[in-house]
């Protein structure tokens, strides 16, 4: 997922969740093939501070090319609860 690399390089975001789902778009060619025909989709979730939210939303919209036909879906919502996850700067070598 190229958007992940860009999020890290340009915004310094190093924590996100990626899930997979099945679905088809309203105007997808699969709709004409019958019920049950779906393709796998990637779902990216990113948690950021409220101050960053609008900028990160716009970045993902642009980087993921959501503005093109069949480009996908992006949405933003208020987060009820989250715990900050951060990888330590220096990790011991694995044995």
Protein backbone atom coordinates (compact mmCIF):
# COMPACT_ATOMS: atom_id res chain seq x y z
CA UNK A 1 0.00 0.00 0.00
CA UNK A 2 1.96 3.05 -1.26
CA UNK A 3 -0.02 5.44 0.95
CA UNK A 4 1.63 3.94 4.04
CA UNK A 5 5.10 4.78 2.80
CA UNK A 6 4.03 8.33 2.02
CA UNK A 7 2.37 8.75 5.44
CA UNK A 8 5.65 7.79 7.11
CA UNK A 9 7.97 9.77 4.85
CA UNK A 10 5.95 12.98 4.60
CA UNK A 11 3.95 13.12 7.87
CA UNK A 12 5.96 10.91 10.20
CA UNK A 13 2.98 8.63 10.89
CA UNK A 14 4.26 5.19 11.88
CA UNK A 15 1.15 3.57 13.39
CA UNK A 16 -1.97 2.49 11.52
CA UNK A 17 -4.22 -0.49 11.01
CA UNK A 18 -4.84 -2.33 7.75
CA UNK A 19 -7.82 -4.63 7.39
CA UNK A 20 -9.26 -6.42 4.41
CA UNK A 21 -12.89 -6.50 3.37
CA UNK A 22 -14.91 -7.71 0.41
CA UNK A 23 -17.22 -5.53 -1.60
CA UNK A 24 -18.18 -4.03 -4.92
CA UNK A 25 -18.94 -0.51 -6.03
CA UNK A 26 -22.29 0.65 -7.28
CA UNK A 27 -20.96 1.00 -10.80
CA UNK A 28 -18.48 -1.86 -10.63
CA UNK A 29 -18.42 -4.34 -13.55
CA UNK A 30 -18.88 -7.09 -10.95
CA UNK A 31 -22.41 -5.86 -10.19
CA UNK A 32 -23.54 -7.09 -13.63
CA UNK A 33 -22.18 -10.59 -13.00
CA UNK A 34 -24.66 -11.46 -10.24
CA UNK A 35 -25.07 -11.42 -6.52
CA UNK A 36 -22.08 -12.51 -4.49
CA UNK A 37 -19.39 -11.38 -6.90
CA UNK A 38 -17.06 -9.17 -4.88
CA UNK A 39 -13.46 -8.05 -4.84
CA UNK A 40 -11.12 -7.67 -1.90
CA UNK A 41 -10.62 -4.15 -0.59
CA UNK A 42 -8.01 -2.71 1.75
CA UNK A 43 -9.19 -0.65 4.73
CA UNK A 44 -6.68 1.76 6.27
CA UNK A 45 -7.29 3.29 9.70
CA UNK A 46 -5.11 6.08 11.07
CA UNK A 47 -5.43 7.74 14.48
CA UNK A 48 -4.02 11.27 14.82
CA UNK A 49 -4.39 14.23 17.14
CA UNK A 50 -7.36 16.48 16.47
CA UNK A 51 -4.99 19.26 15.38
CA UNK A 52 -3.63 17.02 12.58
CA UNK A 53 -6.94 15.49 11.49
CA UNK A 54 -7.85 17.78 8.59
CA UNK A 55 -4.33 17.80 7.13
CA UNK A 56 -4.02 14.00 7.33
CA UNK A 57 -7.48 13.55 5.81
CA UNK A 58 -6.53 15.78 2.85
CA UNK A 59 -3.19 13.99 2.49
CA UNK A 60 -4.78 10.52 2.37
CA UNK A 61 -7.46 11.76 -0.05
CA UNK A 62 -4.76 13.03 -2.41
CA UNK A 63 -2.22 10.20 -1.93
CA UNK A 64 -4.80 7.41 -2.31
CA UNK A 65 -6.32 9.12 -5.38
CA UNK A 66 -9.82 8.97 -3.91
CA UNK A 67 -10.95 11.73 -6.30
CA UNK A 68 -10.85 9.48 -9.39
CA UNK A 69 -13.64 7.16 -10.55
CA UNK A 70 -13.71 3.97 -8.43
CA UNK A 71 -11.04 5.59 -6.23
CA UNK A 72 -12.52 4.36 -2.99
CA UNK A 73 -13.95 5.96 0.08
CA UNK A 74 -12.48 8.09 2.84
CA UNK A 75 -14.17 9.26 6.01
CA UNK A 76 -13.27 10.92 9.28
CA UNK A 77 -14.89 10.48 12.67
CA UNK A 78 -14.41 11.44 16.28
CA UNK A 79 -12.45 8.88 18.23
CA UNK A 80 -13.94 7.71 21.51
CA UNK A 81 -10.83 6.18 23.04
CA UNK A 82 -7.32 5.21 21.95
CA UNK A 83 -3.95 4.45 23.49
CA UNK A 84 -0.84 5.99 21.99
CA UNK A 85 1.45 3.37 20.48
CA UNK A 86 5.04 4.26 19.82
CA UNK A 87 7.98 2.07 18.89
CA UNK A 88 11.04 2.84 21.05
CA UNK A 89 13.79 4.69 19.21
CA UNK A 90 16.42 2.09 20.11
CA UNK A 91 15.41 -1.54 20.26
CA UNK A 92 17.74 -4.28 21.52
CA UNK A 93 19.02 -6.72 18.90
CA UNK A 94 16.96 -9.89 18.55
CA UNK A 95 18.61 -13.11 19.61
